[in-house]
Protein backbone atom coordinates (compact mmCIF):
# COMPACT_ATOMS: atom_id res chain seq x y z
CA MET A 1 153.52 357.95 78.50
CA GLY A 2 155.48 356.35 75.69
CA ASN A 3 154.52 353.14 74.00
CA CYS A 4 156.95 350.30 73.56
CA PHE A 5 157.80 349.17 70.07
CA ARG A 6 159.43 346.02 68.78
CA ILE A 7 160.26 346.04 65.09
CA ARG A 8 162.58 343.33 63.88
CA ILE A 9 165.17 344.75 61.51
CA LYS A 10 168.22 342.55 61.91
CA ALA A 11 169.55 340.49 64.76
CA VAL A 12 173.30 340.22 65.28
CA SER A 13 174.88 339.13 68.56
CA PRO A 14 178.00 341.20 69.21
CA SER A 15 180.86 339.97 71.36
CA HIS A 16 182.87 342.00 73.81
CA THR A 17 185.32 341.32 76.58
CA GLY A 18 185.99 343.87 79.31
CA VAL A 19 188.95 344.25 81.65
CA ASN A 20 188.99 345.08 85.33
CA SER A 21 189.27 348.80 85.95
CA LYS A 22 187.93 351.64 88.02
CA TYR A 23 185.94 354.11 85.96
CA VAL A 24 187.57 357.52 85.79
CA SER A 25 186.76 360.67 83.84
CA ARG A 26 188.98 362.05 81.11
CA ASP A 27 190.79 364.28 83.57
CA GLY A 28 191.59 361.29 85.75
CA ASN A 29 189.05 362.07 88.48
CA ASP A 30 186.74 359.37 89.75
CA LEU A 31 183.23 360.18 88.55
CA SER A 32 181.59 358.26 91.35
CA SER A 33 181.07 359.65 94.82
CA SER A 34 184.10 359.79 97.09
CA SER A 35 182.72 357.04 99.28
CA SER A 36 181.67 354.69 96.48
CA LYS A 37 183.80 353.51 93.59
CA ALA A 38 182.63 351.92 90.37
CA SER A 39 183.81 348.47 89.53
CA PHE A 40 183.02 345.51 87.34
CA THR A 41 184.29 342.08 86.49
CA SER A 42 185.32 340.94 83.03
CA ILE A 43 182.32 340.40 80.81
CA PRO A 44 182.83 337.24 78.74
CA PRO A 45 181.94 337.25 75.05
CA THR A 46 178.23 336.94 74.31
CA PRO A 47 176.07 335.09 73.64
CA ARG A 48 176.56 332.83 76.66
CA SER A 49 174.47 330.00 77.97
CA GLU A 50 172.10 330.50 80.86
CA GLY A 51 174.31 328.36 83.09
CA GLU A 52 177.42 330.39 82.29
CA ILE A 53 175.66 333.66 83.08
CA LEU A 54 174.27 332.44 86.40
CA GLN A 55 177.58 330.91 87.49
CA ALA A 56 179.52 334.07 86.62
CA SER A 57 177.27 336.46 88.51
CA ASN A 58 178.03 337.51 92.09
CA LEU A 59 174.42 337.25 93.16
CA LYS A 60 172.42 335.44 95.82
CA SER A 61 170.23 332.62 94.52
CA PHE A 62 166.89 332.80 96.34
CA SER A 63 164.31 330.06 96.60
CA PHE A 64 160.78 330.88 95.50
CA ALA A 65 159.52 329.99 98.99
CA ASP A 66 161.88 332.57 100.57
CA LEU A 67 160.67 335.34 98.27
CA ARG A 68 157.05 334.37 98.74
CA THR A 69 157.56 334.72 102.49
CA ALA A 70 159.53 337.96 102.15
CA THR A 71 156.69 339.58 100.15
CA ARG A 72 153.92 338.12 102.32
CA ASN A 73 152.82 335.79 99.54
CA PHE A 74 153.02 338.57 96.92
CA ARG A 75 150.14 340.44 98.50
CA PRO A 76 148.44 343.04 96.26
CA ASP A 77 149.07 345.78 98.83
CA SER A 78 152.81 345.08 98.52
CA VAL A 79 152.89 345.98 94.82
CA LEU A 80 155.30 348.84 94.04
CA GLY A 81 154.75 348.89 90.29
CA GLU A 82 153.54 346.91 87.30
CA GLY A 83 154.74 346.54 83.73
CA GLY A 84 154.97 344.17 80.81
CA PHE A 85 157.63 342.12 82.62
CA GLY A 86 155.29 341.58 85.55
CA SER A 87 154.84 343.14 88.98
CA VAL A 88 157.32 344.50 91.53
CA PHE A 89 156.65 343.76 95.21
CA LYS A 90 158.05 345.13 98.44
CA GLY A 91 159.65 342.60 100.75
CA TRP A 92 161.95 342.24 103.77
CA ILE A 93 165.05 340.09 104.29
CA ASP A 94 167.74 339.75 106.94
CA GLU A 95 170.74 341.91 106.02
CA ASN A 96 173.24 339.17 106.89
CA THR A 97 171.60 335.86 106.02
CA PHE A 98 169.25 337.19 103.30
CA THR A 99 166.45 335.02 104.71
CA ALA A 100 162.90 336.37 104.81
CA THR A 101 161.99 338.46 107.85
CA ARG A 102 158.88 340.06 109.29
CA PRO A 103 157.70 343.33 107.68
CA GLY A 104 159.50 346.29 109.20
CA THR A 105 162.57 344.28 110.17
CA GLY A 106 165.82 343.67 108.33
CA ILE A 107 166.26 345.47 105.01
CA VAL A 108 163.64 346.37 102.43
CA ILE A 109 163.89 344.84 98.97
CA ALA A 110 162.03 345.15 95.67
CA VAL A 111 161.12 341.81 94.08
CA LYS A 112 160.32 341.76 90.36
CA ARG A 113 158.28 338.72 89.37
CA LEU A 114 158.19 337.66 85.73
CA ASN A 115 154.79 337.40 84.13
CA GLN A 116 154.78 333.81 82.91
CA GLU A 117 152.90 334.86 79.77
CA SER A 118 155.65 337.34 78.80
CA PHE A 119 157.20 336.11 75.52
CA GLN A 120 160.45 338.10 75.90
CA GLY A 121 160.51 337.91 79.69
CA HIS A 122 163.07 335.14 80.24
CA ARG A 123 165.58 336.65 77.79
CA GLU A 124 165.34 340.05 79.47
CA TRP A 125 165.43 338.48 82.94
CA LEU A 126 168.70 336.81 81.92
CA ALA A 127 170.07 340.06 80.50
CA GLU A 128 169.49 341.78 83.85
CA VAL A 129 171.37 339.02 85.67
CA ASN A 130 174.16 339.20 83.09
CA TYR A 131 174.78 342.96 83.39
CA LEU A 132 173.74 343.89 86.93
CA GLY A 133 175.36 340.72 88.25
CA GLN A 134 178.76 342.06 87.19
CA LEU A 135 178.59 345.85 86.77
CA TYR A 136 178.69 347.95 89.96
CA HIS A 137 178.44 351.71 90.19
CA PRO A 138 176.79 354.13 92.64
CA ASN A 139 174.41 355.21 89.88
CA LEU A 140 173.28 351.72 88.86
CA VAL A 141 170.57 350.02 90.90
CA LYS A 142 171.92 347.10 92.95
CA LEU A 143 170.72 343.65 92.01
CA ILE A 144 170.95 341.52 95.15
CA GLY A 145 169.89 338.19 93.70
CA TYR A 146 167.53 336.16 91.58
CA CYS A 147 165.22 333.15 91.66
CA LEU A 148 165.19 330.52 88.92
CA GLU A 149 162.96 327.69 90.06
CA ASP A 150 160.66 325.67 87.81
CA GLU A 151 158.63 328.22 85.85
CA HIS A 152 159.40 331.05 88.31
CA ARG A 153 161.71 333.92 87.29
CA LEU A 154 162.30 336.69 89.87
CA LEU A 155 164.85 339.43 90.50
CA VAL A 156 165.68 340.95 93.89
CA TYR A 157 166.83 344.60 94.00
CA GLU A 158 167.66 347.17 96.61
CA PHE A 159 164.57 349.19 97.50
CA MET A 160 164.59 352.74 96.13
CA SER A 161 162.37 354.60 98.56
CA ARG A 162 161.46 357.57 96.35
CA GLY A 163 160.47 355.56 93.33
CA SER A 164 160.98 356.67 89.75
CA LEU A 165 161.82 360.06 88.33
CA GLU A 166 158.76 359.67 86.12
CA ASN A 167 156.46 359.75 89.13
CA HIS A 168 158.09 362.86 90.60
CA LEU A 169 157.84 364.73 87.31
CA PHE A 170 154.39 363.76 86.16
CA ARG A 171 152.29 362.46 89.04
CA ARG A 172 150.28 364.83 91.17
CA GLY A 173 149.56 364.35 94.84
CA SER A 174 150.82 365.07 98.33
CA TYR A 175 153.47 362.33 98.20
CA PHE A 176 155.09 363.53 94.99
CA GLN A 177 156.10 367.14 95.52
CA PRO A 178 157.47 368.93 92.42
CA LEU A 179 161.24 368.53 92.25
CA SER A 180 163.16 371.79 92.61
CA TRP A 181 165.59 372.95 89.92
CA ASN A 182 168.61 371.95 92.02
CA LEU A 183 167.23 368.46 92.69
CA ARG A 184 166.50 367.99 89.00
CA MET A 185 170.07 368.94 88.19
CA LYS A 186 171.34 366.52 90.85
CA VAL A 187 169.26 363.70 89.40
CA ALA A 188 170.39 364.54 85.85
CA LEU A 189 174.05 364.43 86.92
CA GLY A 190 173.65 361.11 88.73
CA ALA A 191 171.90 359.50 85.78
CA ALA A 192 174.56 360.89 83.44
CA LYS A 193 177.32 359.34 85.54
CA GLY A 194 175.60 355.96 85.40
CA LEU A 195 175.28 356.17 81.62
CA ALA A 196 178.88 357.39 81.26
CA PHE A 197 180.06 354.36 83.22
CA LEU A 198 178.18 352.03 80.87
CA HIS A 199 179.71 353.77 77.83
CA SER A 200 183.26 353.74 79.18
CA ALA A 201 185.95 351.99 77.14
CA GLU A 202 186.26 349.21 79.71
CA THR A 203 182.53 348.48 79.93
CA GLN A 204 181.07 349.34 76.50
CA VAL A 205 177.40 348.68 77.22
CA ILE A 206 174.57 350.40 75.37
CA TYR A 207 171.62 350.87 77.72
CA ARG A 208 168.99 351.22 74.96
CA ASP A 209 166.06 352.15 77.20
CA PHE A 210 167.01 355.39 78.96
CA LYS A 211 163.81 357.10 80.17
CA THR A 212 162.36 358.65 83.31
CA SER A 213 160.61 355.48 84.50
CA ASN A 214 163.97 353.65 84.53
CA ILE A 215 165.68 356.27 86.72
CA LEU A 216 165.07 355.42 90.37
CA LEU A 217 165.71 357.69 93.36
CA ASP A 218 166.87 356.79 96.85
CA SER A 219 165.99 358.70 100.02
CA SER A 220 168.55 361.41 99.20
CA TYR A 221 167.50 361.76 95.56
CA ASN A 222 170.53 359.90 94.27
CA ALA A 223 169.67 358.61 90.80
CA LYS A 224 170.27 355.00 89.77
CA LEU A 225 169.59 353.35 86.42
CA SER A 226 167.38 350.27 86.50
CA ASP A 227 165.93 347.72 84.06
CA PHE A 228 168.74 346.32 81.91
CA GLY A 229 166.54 343.91 79.98
CA LEU A 230 167.23 345.68 76.65
CA ALA A 231 170.93 346.46 77.23
CA LYS A 232 173.43 345.36 74.58
CA ASP A 233 177.19 345.03 74.36
CA GLY A 234 178.64 347.84 72.27
CA PRO A 235 180.46 347.38 68.94
CA THR A 236 183.97 345.93 69.02
CA GLY A 237 186.99 346.04 66.76
CA ASP A 238 186.46 348.17 63.66
CA LYS A 239 182.67 347.97 63.89
CA SER A 240 180.90 351.32 64.23
CA HIS A 241 177.56 350.03 65.46
CA VAL A 242 175.51 347.04 66.54
CA SER A 243 172.73 345.89 64.21
CA THR A 244 169.73 344.69 66.16
CA TRP A 245 165.97 344.79 66.50
CA VAL A 246 164.53 348.23 67.14
CA MET A 247 163.30 348.06 70.72
CA GLY A 248 162.57 350.68 73.35
CA THR A 249 159.96 353.34 74.04
CA TYR A 250 158.45 355.79 71.57
CA GLY A 251 159.61 359.34 72.05
CA TYR A 252 163.03 358.40 73.43
CA ALA A 253 164.69 356.45 70.61
CA ALA A 254 167.24 358.17 68.35
CA PRO A 255 166.03 358.81 64.77
CA GLU A 256 168.94 356.97 63.12
CA TYR A 257 168.28 353.91 65.28
CA LEU A 258 164.60 353.91 64.30
CA ALA A 259 165.50 354.25 60.63
CA THR A 260 168.29 351.67 60.37
CA GLY A 261 168.44 349.50 63.50
CA HIS A 262 172.06 350.63 63.93
CA LEU A 263 172.69 350.99 67.65
CA THR A 264 175.55 353.03 69.15
CA ALA A 265 176.29 354.77 72.44
CA ARG A 266 175.14 358.00 70.73
CA SER A 267 171.66 356.47 70.62
CA ASP A 268 171.61 356.56 74.43
CA ILE A 269 172.78 360.19 74.36
CA TYR A 270 169.79 361.20 72.26
CA SER A 271 167.53 359.52 74.83
CA PHE A 272 169.35 361.43 77.57
CA GLY A 273 168.54 364.66 75.74
CA VAL A 274 164.85 363.73 75.70
CA VAL A 275 164.91 363.08 79.45
CA LEU A 276 166.60 366.47 80.01
CA LEU A 277 163.70 368.09 78.15
CA GLU A 278 161.22 366.25 80.35
CA MET A 279 163.04 367.37 83.49
CA PHE A 280 163.28 371.00 82.39
CA SER A 281 159.74 371.29 81.01
CA GLY A 282 157.71 368.96 83.22
CA ARG A 283 156.19 367.49 80.03
CA ARG A 284 156.21 363.90 78.82
CA ALA A 285 158.21 362.84 75.77
CA VAL A 286 154.95 361.93 74.05
CA ASP A 287 151.62 363.26 75.28
CA LYS A 288 148.56 362.88 73.07
CA ASN A 289 146.53 364.93 75.54
CA ARG A 290 148.43 368.09 74.60
CA PRO A 291 147.11 370.43 71.88
CA ALA A 292 147.95 369.69 68.27
CA GLY A 293 151.60 370.45 67.56
CA GLU A 294 152.64 369.70 71.15
CA HIS A 295 152.27 365.89 71.19
CA ASN A 296 155.98 365.23 70.60
CA LEU A 297 158.15 367.03 73.15
CA VAL A 298 161.31 367.21 71.02
CA GLU A 299 159.53 368.69 68.01
CA TRP A 300 157.66 371.20 70.15
CA ALA A 301 160.65 372.24 72.28
CA LYS A 302 163.38 372.73 69.68
CA PRO A 303 162.20 376.19 68.50
CA TYR A 304 162.28 377.37 72.12
CA LEU A 305 165.72 375.92 72.78
CA THR A 306 167.25 377.78 69.84
CA ASN A 307 165.81 381.17 70.81
CA LYS A 308 167.31 382.94 73.84
CA ARG A 309 164.22 385.08 74.29
CA LYS A 310 161.84 382.10 74.23
CA VAL A 311 163.77 379.47 76.15
CA LEU A 312 162.39 380.50 79.54
CA ARG A 313 158.82 379.89 78.29
CA PHE A 314 159.78 376.25 77.78
CA LEU A 315 160.70 375.63 81.45
CA ASP A 316 158.35 374.05 83.98
CA SER A 317 156.27 376.82 85.57
CA ARG A 318 156.46 375.02 88.93
CA LEU A 319 160.17 375.88 89.09
CA GLU A 320 159.28 379.54 89.47
CA ASP A 321 162.48 381.57 89.99
CA GLN A 322 164.76 378.77 91.19
CA TYR A 323 167.31 379.21 88.39
CA THR A 324 169.17 382.02 86.70
CA GLN A 325 168.71 382.81 83.04
CA GLY A 326 172.35 382.01 82.29
CA VAL A 327 172.14 378.53 83.79
CA ALA A 328 168.83 377.86 82.06
CA LEU A 329 170.32 378.80 78.68
CA LYS A 330 173.34 376.54 79.21
CA ALA A 331 171.11 373.64 80.28
CA ALA A 332 168.88 374.11 77.24
CA ASN A 333 171.91 374.20 74.96
CA LEU A 334 173.19 370.93 76.44
CA ALA A 335 169.86 369.25 75.77
CA LEU A 336 169.88 370.60 72.22
CA GLN A 337 173.36 369.16 71.59
CA CYS A 338 172.26 365.73 72.84
CA LEU A 339 169.32 365.86 70.42
CA SER A 340 171.41 366.61 67.33
CA VAL A 341 169.98 364.78 64.32
CA ASP A 342 173.49 363.81 63.26
CA PRO A 343 174.85 361.56 66.02
CA LYS A 344 178.41 362.77 65.31
CA PHE A 345 177.47 366.16 66.75
CA ARG A 346 176.16 364.75 70.04
CA PRO A 347 178.52 365.03 73.01
CA THR A 348 179.87 361.94 74.73
CA MET A 349 178.46 361.10 78.15
CA ASP A 350 181.77 362.10 79.73
CA GLU A 351 181.28 365.55 78.18
CA VAL A 352 177.68 365.64 79.39
CA VAL A 353 178.84 364.82 82.94
CA ALA A 354 181.45 367.60 82.80
CA ALA A 355 178.87 370.10 81.53
CA LEU A 356 176.36 369.21 84.27
CA GLU A 357 179.05 369.45 86.94
CA GLN A 358 179.97 372.91 85.68
CA LEU A 359 176.31 373.94 85.81
CA GLN A 360 176.03 372.73 89.40
CA ASP A 361 179.24 374.50 90.43
CA SER A 362 178.41 377.69 88.54
CA LYS A 363 178.23 380.83 90.66
CA GLU A 364 175.09 381.70 88.71
CA ASN A 365 173.35 378.68 90.17
CA THR A 366 172.95 380.22 93.61
CA LYS A 367 169.21 380.07 94.15
CA THR A 368 168.18 377.30 96.51
CA ASN A 369 164.97 375.68 97.60
CA GLN A 370 164.04 374.76 101.17
CA ASN A 371 163.53 371.13 100.19
CA ASP A 372 167.11 371.03 98.82
CA ARG A 373 168.50 371.94 102.22
CA ASN A 374 166.29 369.26 103.77
CA PRO A 375 165.79 366.69 101.00
CA ASN A 376 163.94 364.33 103.33
CA HIS A 377 161.16 366.84 103.98
CA HIS A 378 157.73 365.15 103.97
CA HIS A 379 159.30 361.70 103.59
CA VAL A 380 160.64 358.85 105.67
CA HIS A 381 164.14 357.44 105.08
CA SER A 382 164.77 354.00 103.71
CA SER A 383 167.99 352.39 102.62
CA THR A 384 169.17 348.88 101.85
CA GLY A 385 172.46 347.16 101.84
CA THR A 386 174.07 344.09 100.35
CA ARG A 387 177.17 342.18 101.33
CA ASN A 388 180.12 344.58 101.58
CA HIS A 389 182.66 341.99 100.51
CA ARG A 390 180.72 341.48 97.28
CA ARG A 391 179.82 345.05 96.43
CA ARG A 392 181.74 348.27 96.60
CA GLY A 393 179.94 351.40 97.64
CA VAL A 394 176.99 349.61 99.20
CA ASP A 395 174.70 351.87 101.16
CA GLU A 396 174.67 351.33 104.89
CA ALA A 397 171.86 348.97 105.79
CA SER A 398 168.99 350.40 107.76
CA THR A 399 166.31 348.83 109.87
CA ARG A 400 164.13 351.91 110.09
CA LYS A 401 160.49 351.62 109.15
CA VAL A 402 159.50 352.71 105.69
CA ALA A 403 156.41 354.76 104.95
CA SER A 404 153.76 353.14 102.79
CA TYR A 405 154.76 353.72 99.18
CA PRO A 406 152.03 354.64 96.70
CA ARG A 407 151.65 352.42 93.67
CA PRO A 408 153.22 354.17 90.67
CA SER A 409 151.74 354.37 87.22
CA ALA A 410 152.21 351.35 84.99
CA ASN A 411 155.56 351.17 83.24
CA PRO A 412 155.06 351.84 79.52
CA LEU A 413 157.64 349.23 78.64
CA TYR A 414 156.19 346.25 76.78
CA THR A 415 152.65 347.68 76.74
């Protein structure tokens, strides 16, 4: 699991103003699902005051008492995950009034509660409200609301019933079955679409913390990006980059960003390449428990990716024969391009989306897995909804019971 780093190099606050638009690919086709369209409101220049950010967001303002009731007083057995920001709790609210309801009724939510001792917590809490309060896409997690009351800082999200991609790749147990090749490709494509939306000309947001623990999965294995606490507005005008502190997680950050503090959208693309390696190999980006020479996934994998005869040895053995050699070679080549040392040679996220779509549609990719045909095998559905007039593409609310969700491993962020 990667370690978070915070090295101050230079701090510059960029400014950027977006315009209303639907996100489309270069060929004019909507990259979101047919039933859900991406949208966003104009993002005013930054930095903005706390009041301006909260007033501009289209979010529900919750009282601390409501969220305490919704999570059953933040009971330990309601914890979904823990990290440097604080803990995330499962809760229940009414789908229409958003008031707290009894467990098992209404819609399920995930409530992130800020650790009051977190030095950077309030700034990153505000960044989440700023971005997720205005940017909407089927592959971004939905932020329903927030709580700002006295010393309390909380965020209320839709509940993602299958947890993080990290848990499905690296945890062992009956709940987390190994993802098939086809499901991994589906998750990769969904995450790529979310990142492409952020990088689009109208949005211009650099995610800065793309990793498996920040990719959440719903009941149908649709991927959504979460945790926007480190996101930054992209460069504007004739600027080629944003100069900022080096922040993120070891093993995922682009080498030029580590060396200079110069942040661009290509930095995210390098991180995407690392995540592709993790998905294909079943190995973590950094794993000190591996033998010498295998601690860093990128360094270990590159010789395999460049050799057609060795590339199959790099793939996760649990995938067995679920892919063809041709598709595996193309997938490995895509990862290698994303990991180019020179950022100019990395593809754009639009190009990555197109490549992954071609891989999914390829006639070579014909082998299927039983769990792909029934993606809800061994699991119980859960979905959440928010107000349809406020959000486009909101999932249909469900009142079905949700199976007890195992506590995931601690998020490496801020540890």
